[in-house]
Amino acid sequence: MKFTIKDTMPYSLETVFRTQRDRLAELGEYLDGIDAIIVEDREEVSDSVIKFVNLWKAASTDIPKVARAFIKPEMLQWHDYATWDESDWSCKWEMKLGFLPDAIEARGHNTWKSLGDRTLVTINGEIVIHGNKIPGVPRLLAGKVSDAVEKFVVKMIEPNLKKTNEGVTAYIRDHQG
């Protein structure tokens, strides 16, 4: 299932792009439901291209107490593999979830466009659920389960992506000199 999110942020293109790219680990405190963002790898491929591997850790406090015994910490984390390209103000990304990593694919392409003193951020993403790789799902129901889970995941992800942009805006506001 594909999705697109457009959001305008009240800062310049360079400020927004470079903050999201270079200050991601510091943004965790501005994001509800995130305990930490850890930059595990950073590779400067060229003057304009930087590749990252980031580990996101969700807050376990959001899990109902009754479910905490069943949900392991590694289920509440995911890796994002991102290639940031300043030559065209874009980022290609892919996520690998700690929960059912073989059954869920998430990838996308973000762009930033200058609107003068504001920036338009466009997130184009795709979530693919492989119902046949979810334990306990009968083969005959795999397609229906995939469709239902994709819709659920996209509905859950879209507001969180907007909240990430709100977190970037708050971070920039708090750190402008």
C-alpha atoms as a PDB file:
ATOM      1  CA  MET A   1       0.000   0.000   0.000  1.00  0.00           C
ATOM      2  CA  LYS A   2       1.450   3.333  -1.065  1.00  0.00           C
ATOM      3  CA  PHE A   3       1.021   6.610   0.789  1.00  0.00           C
ATOM      4  CA  THR A   4       2.020  10.252   0.409  1.00  0.00           C
ATOM      5  CA  ILE A   5       2.307  12.854   3.138  1.00  0.00           C
ATOM      6  CA  LYS A   6       2.947  16.532   2.463  1.00  0.00           C
ATOM      7  CA  ASP A   7       3.856  18.892   5.242  1.00  0.00           C
ATOM      8  CA  THR A   8       5.082  22.487   5.331  1.00  0.00           C
ATOM      9  CA  MET A   9       7.689  23.474   7.890  1.00  0.00           C
ATOM     10  CA  PRO A  10       8.405  27.126   8.867  1.00  0.00           C
ATOM     11  CA  TYR A  11      12.164  27.042   8.198  1.00  0.00           C
ATOM     12  CA  SER A  12      14.484  27.132   5.190  1.00  0.00           C
ATOM     13  CA  LEU A  13      15.152  24.074   3.048  1.00  0.00           C
ATOM     14  CA  GLU A  14      18.783  23.798   4.125  1.00  0.00           C
ATOM     15  CA  THR A  15      17.933  24.082   7.824  1.00  0.00           C
ATOM     16  CA  VAL A  16      15.149  21.488   7.725  1.00  0.00           C
ATOM     17  CA  PHE A  17      17.019  18.980   5.527  1.00  0.00           C
ATOM     18  CA  ARG A  18      20.297  19.196   7.432  1.00  0.00           C
ATOM     19  CA  THR A  19      18.579  19.033  10.820  1.00  0.00           C
ATOM     20  CA  GLN A  20      16.680  15.885   9.863  1.00  0.00           C
ATOM     21  CA  ARG A  21      19.799  14.325   8.360  1.00  0.00           C
ATOM     22  CA  ASP A  22      22.492  15.397  10.817  1.00  0.00           C
ATOM     23  CA  ARG A  23      20.667  15.785  14.148  1.00  0.00           C
ATOM     24  CA  LEU A  24      18.390  12.737  14.075  1.00  0.00           C
ATOM     25  CA  ALA A  25      19.818  11.210  17.265  1.00  0.00           C
ATOM     26  CA  GLU A  26      19.094  14.469  19.125  1.00  0.00           C
ATOM     27  CA  LEU A  27      15.516  14.564  17.825  1.00  0.00           C
ATOM     28  CA  GLY A  28      14.450  11.541  19.889  1.00  0.00           C
ATOM     29  CA  GLU A  29      13.582  13.698  22.893  1.00  0.00           C
ATOM     30  CA  TYR A  30      11.190  15.677  20.671  1.00  0.00           C
ATOM     31  CA  LEU A  31       9.301  12.612  19.459  1.00  0.00           C
ATOM     32  CA  ASP A  32       6.502  11.083  21.509  1.00  0.00           C
ATOM     33  CA  GLY A  33       6.835   7.343  21.878  1.00  0.00           C
ATOM     34  CA  ILE A  34      10.561   7.246  21.051  1.00  0.00           C
ATOM     35  CA  ASP A  35      13.114   6.424  23.746  1.00  0.00           C
ATOM     36  CA  ALA A  36      16.197   6.775  21.545  1.00  0.00           C
ATOM     37  CA  ILE A  37      17.524   7.054  18.029  1.00  0.00           C
ATOM     38  CA  ILE A  38      21.026   5.646  17.683  1.00  0.00           C
ATOM     39  CA  VAL A  39      23.183   6.304  14.627  1.00  0.00           C
ATOM     40  CA  GLU A  40      24.883   2.945  14.121  1.00  0.00           C
ATOM     41  CA  ASP A  41      26.648   3.794  10.871  1.00  0.00           C
ATOM     42  CA  ARG A  42      27.331   6.937   8.839  1.00  0.00           C
ATOM     43  CA  GLU A  43      29.132   6.800   5.494  1.00  0.00           C
ATOM     44  CA  GLU A  44      29.960   9.855   3.394  1.00  0.00           C
ATOM     45  CA  VAL A  45      29.707   8.470  -0.132  1.00  0.00           C
ATOM     46  CA  SER A  46      30.410  11.820  -1.852  1.00  0.00           C
ATOM     47  CA  ASP A  47      30.195  15.538  -1.158  1.00  0.00           C
ATOM     48  CA  SER A  48      26.398  15.378  -1.428  1.00  0.00           C
ATOM     49  CA  VAL A  49      25.489  11.781  -0.462  1.00  0.00           C
ATOM     50  CA  ILE A  50      25.524  10.348   3.058  1.00  0.00           C
ATOM     51  CA  LYS A  51      24.253   6.895   4.027  1.00  0.00           C
ATOM     52  CA  PHE A  52      22.992   6.124   7.521  1.00  0.00           C
ATOM     53  CA  VAL A  53      21.930   3.105   9.519  1.00  0.00           C
ATOM     54  CA  ASN A  54      19.820   4.254  12.468  1.00  0.00           C
ATOM     55  CA  LEU A  55      18.278   2.204  15.260  1.00  0.00           C
ATOM     56  CA  TRP A  56      14.982   3.574  16.566  1.00  0.00           C
ATOM     57  CA  LYS A  57      13.794   2.411  19.999  1.00  0.00           C
ATOM     58  CA  ALA A  58      10.148   2.930  20.830  1.00  0.00           C
ATOM     59  CA  ALA A  59       9.053   3.703  24.374  1.00  0.00           C
ATOM     60  CA  SER A  60       7.934   0.560  26.179  1.00  0.00           C
ATOM     61  CA  THR A  61       5.774   2.687  28.469  1.00  0.00           C
ATOM     62  CA  ASP A  62       3.155   2.879  25.695  1.00  0.00           C
ATOM     63  CA  ILE A  63       2.530  -0.877  25.934  1.00  0.00           C
ATOM     64  CA  PRO A  64      -0.306  -1.947  28.216  1.00  0.00           C
ATOM     65  CA  LYS A  65       1.051  -3.585  31.380  1.00  0.00           C
ATOM     66  CA  VAL A  66      -0.727  -6.853  30.635  1.00  0.00           C
ATOM     67  CA  ALA A  67       1.115  -7.144  27.296  1.00  0.00           C
ATOM     68  CA  ARG A  68       4.599  -6.233  28.545  1.00  0.00           C
ATOM     69  CA  ALA A  69       5.388  -9.830  29.486  1.00  0.00           C
ATOM     70  CA  PHE A  70       4.852 -10.922  25.879  1.00  0.00           C
ATOM     71  CA  ILE A  71       6.412  -8.035  23.991  1.00  0.00           C
ATOM     72  CA  LYS A  72      10.187  -8.184  23.977  1.00  0.00           C
ATOM     73  CA  PRO A  73      12.274  -4.964  23.706  1.00  0.00           C
ATOM     74  CA  GLU A  74      13.624  -5.940  20.276  1.00  0.00           C
ATOM     75  CA  MET A  75      10.050  -5.949  18.969  1.00  0.00           C
ATOM     76  CA  LEU A  76       9.839  -2.248  19.781  1.00  0.00           C
ATOM     77  CA  GLN A  77      12.760  -1.204  17.652  1.00  0.00           C
ATOM     78  CA  TRP A  78      13.559  -0.912  13.994  1.00  0.00           C
ATOM     79  CA  HIS A  79      16.425  -0.005  11.722  1.00  0.00           C
ATOM     80  CA  ASP A  80      16.184   2.600   9.058  1.00  0.00           C
ATOM     81  CA  TYR A  81      18.615   2.544   6.166  1.00  0.00           C
ATOM     82  CA  ALA A  82      18.698   5.989   4.587  1.00  0.00           C
ATOM     83  CA  THR A  83      20.578   7.540   1.680  1.00  0.00           C
ATOM     84  CA  TRP A  84      20.467  11.332   1.877  1.00  0.00           C
ATOM     85  CA  ASP A  85      21.336  13.271  -1.279  1.00  0.00           C
ATOM     86  CA  GLU A  86      21.825  16.998  -0.876  1.00  0.00           C
ATOM     87  CA  SER A  87      22.270  17.484  -4.647  1.00  0.00           C
ATOM     88  CA  ASP A  88      18.515  17.014  -5.137  1.00  0.00           C
ATOM     89  CA  TRP A  89      17.324  17.395  -1.508  1.00  0.00           C
ATOM     90  CA  SER A  90      16.060  13.833  -1.205  1.00  0.00           C
ATOM     91  CA  CYS A  91      16.302  10.749   0.953  1.00  0.00           C
ATOM     92  CA  LYS A  92      15.618   7.141  -0.004  1.00  0.00           C
ATOM     93  CA  TRP A  93      14.867   4.940   2.984  1.00  0.00           C
ATOM     94  CA  GLU A  94      13.982   1.434   4.011  1.00  0.00           C
ATOM     95  CA  MET A  95      12.928   0.148   7.434  1.00  0.00           C
ATOM     96  CA  LYS A  96      13.436  -3.289   8.932  1.00  0.00           C
ATOM     97  CA  LEU A  97      11.160  -3.871  11.878  1.00  0.00           C
ATOM     98  CA  GLY A  98      12.129  -5.793  14.994  1.00  0.00           C
ATOM     99  CA  PHE A  99       8.728  -7.477  14.830  1.00  0.00           C
ATOM    100  CA  LEU A 100       8.082  -9.835  11.853  1.00  0.00           C
ATOM    101  CA  PRO A 101      10.935  -8.407   9.741  1.00  0.00           C
ATOM    102  CA  ASP A 102      10.387 -10.940   6.936  1.00  0.00           C
ATOM    103  CA  ALA A 103       6.654 -10.228   6.755  1.00  0.00           C
ATOM    104  CA  ILE A 104       6.715  -6.415   6.670  1.00  0.00           C
ATOM    105  CA  GLU A 105       8.497  -4.198   4.144  1.00  0.00           C
ATOM    106  CA  ALA A 106       8.583  -0.415   4.449  1.00  0.00           C
ATOM    107  CA  ARG A 107      10.416   1.895   2.063  1.00  0.00           C
ATOM    108  CA  GLY A 108      10.120   5.307   0.564  1.00  0.00           C
ATOM    109  CA  HIS A 109      11.528   8.451  -0.946  1.00  0.00           C
ATOM    110  CA  ASN A 110      11.330  11.852   0.732  1.00  0.00           C
ATOM    111  CA  THR A 111      11.901  15.215  -0.946  1.00  0.00           C
ATOM    112  CA  TRP A 112      12.336  18.739   0.365  1.00  0.00           C
ATOM    113  CA  LYS A 113      11.394  21.825  -1.664  1.00  0.00           C
ATOM    114  CA  SER A 114      12.030  25.457  -0.830  1.00  0.00           C
ATOM    115  CA  LEU A 115       9.006  27.724  -0.439  1.00  0.00           C
ATOM    116  CA  GLY A 116      11.106  30.763   0.398  1.00  0.00           C
ATOM    117  CA  ASP A 117      11.398  30.861   4.187  1.00  0.00           C
ATOM    118  CA  ARG A 118       9.372  27.631   4.493  1.00  0.00           C
ATOM    119  CA  THR A 119       9.972  24.071   3.291  1.00  0.00           C
ATOM    120  CA  LEU A 120       7.607  21.551   1.731  1.00  0.00           C
ATOM    121  CA  VAL A 121       8.429  18.012   2.850  1.00  0.00           C
ATOM    122  CA  THR A 122       6.921  15.215   0.758  1.00  0.00           C
ATOM    123  CA  ILE A 123       7.093  11.641   2.010  1.00  0.00           C
ATOM    124  CA  ASN A 124       6.250   8.952  -0.529  1.00  0.00           C
ATOM    125  CA  GLY A 125       6.216   5.546   1.094  1.00  0.00           C
ATOM    126  CA  GLU A 126       5.094   2.000   0.604  1.00  0.00           C
ATOM    127  CA  ILE A 127       4.197  -0.693   3.125  1.00  0.00           C
ATOM    128  CA  VAL A 128       4.010  -4.292   1.924  1.00  0.00           C
ATOM    129  CA  ILE A 129       2.745  -7.032   4.214  1.00  0.00           C
ATOM    130  CA  HIS A 130       3.421 -10.650   3.311  1.00  0.00           C
ATOM    131  CA  GLY A 131       0.547 -12.395   5.081  1.00  0.00           C
ATOM    132  CA  ASN A 132       1.970 -15.795   4.169  1.00  0.00           C
ATOM    133  CA  LYS A 133       5.030 -14.987   6.329  1.00  0.00           C
ATOM    134  CA  ILE A 134       3.023 -14.165   9.447  1.00  0.00           C
ATOM    135  CA  PRO A 135       3.009 -17.163  11.783  1.00  0.00           C
ATOM    136  CA  GLY A 136      -0.414 -18.732  12.216  1.00  0.00           C
ATOM    137  CA  VAL A 137      -2.064 -17.102   9.187  1.00  0.00           C
ATOM    138  CA  PRO A 138      -3.663 -19.732   6.925  1.00  0.00           C
ATOM    139  CA  ARG A 139      -2.494 -19.549   3.303  1.00  0.00           C
ATOM    140  CA  LEU A 140      -6.037 -18.965   2.038  1.00  0.00           C
ATOM    141  CA  LEU A 141      -6.395 -15.870   4.239  1.00  0.00           C
ATOM    142  CA  ALA A 142      -2.906 -14.435   3.627  1.00  0.00           C
ATOM    143  CA  GLY A 143      -4.089 -11.921   0.995  1.00  0.00           C
ATOM    144  CA  LYS A 144      -6.955 -10.577   3.101  1.00  0.00           C
ATOM    145  CA  VAL A 145      -4.744 -10.390   6.166  1.00  0.00           C
ATOM    146  CA  SER A 146      -2.057  -8.545   4.162  1.00  0.00           C
ATOM    147  CA  ASP A 147      -4.538  -5.936   2.911  1.00  0.00           C
ATOM    148  CA  ALA A 148      -6.027  -5.362   6.361  1.00  0.00           C
ATOM    149  CA  VAL A 149      -2.643  -5.092   8.086  1.00  0.00           C
ATOM    150  CA  GLU A 150      -1.266  -2.732   5.388  1.00  0.00           C
ATOM    151  CA  LYS A 151      -4.207  -0.356   5.887  1.00  0.00           C
ATOM    152  CA  PHE A 152      -3.769  -0.527   9.668  1.00  0.00           C
ATOM    153  CA  VAL A 153       0.005   0.110   9.511  1.00  0.00           C
ATOM    154  CA  VAL A 154      -0.337   3.047   7.087  1.00  0.00           C
ATOM    155  CA  LYS A 155      -3.064   4.555   9.277  1.00  0.00           C
ATOM    156  CA  MET A 156      -0.715   4.236  12.256  1.00  0.00           C
ATOM    157  CA  ILE A 157       2.435   5.483  10.461  1.00  0.00           C
ATOM    158  CA  GLU A 158       1.038   8.601   8.778  1.00  0.00           C
ATOM    159  CA  PRO A 159       0.393  10.597  11.994  1.00  0.00           C
ATOM    160  CA  ASN A 160       3.774   9.509  13.374  1.00  0.00           C
ATOM    161  CA  LEU A 161       5.563  10.830  10.288  1.00  0.00           C
ATOM    162  CA  LYS A 162       3.786  14.168  10.713  1.00  0.00           C
ATOM    163  CA  LYS A 163       4.779  14.167  14.395  1.00  0.00           C
ATOM    164  CA  THR A 164       8.397  13.661  13.314  1.00  0.00           C
ATOM    165  CA  ASN A 165       8.155  16.859  11.256  1.00  0.00           C
ATOM    166  CA  GLU A 166       6.643  18.621  14.283  1.00  0.00           C
ATOM    167  CA  GLY A 167       9.588  17.364  16.350  1.00  0.00           C
ATOM    168  CA  VAL A 168      12.061  18.729  13.797  1.00  0.00           C
ATOM    169  CA  THR A 169      10.276  22.095  13.884  1.00  0.00           C
ATOM    170  CA  ALA A 170      10.435  22.184  17.692  1.00  0.00           C
ATOM    171  CA  TYR A 171      14.116  21.171  17.682  1.00  0.00           C
ATOM    172  CA  ILE A 172      15.025  23.934  15.205  1.00  0.00           C
ATOM    173  CA  ARG A 173      13.017  26.503  17.193  1.00  0.00           C
ATOM    174  CA  ASP A 174      14.817  25.510  20.408  1.00  0.00           C
ATOM    175  CA  HIS A 175      18.307  25.490  18.851  1.00  0.00           C
ATOM    176  CA  GLN A 176      18.306  28.526  16.594  1.00  0.00           C
ATOM    177  CA  GLY A 177      20.889  30.971  17.711  1.00  0.00           C
END
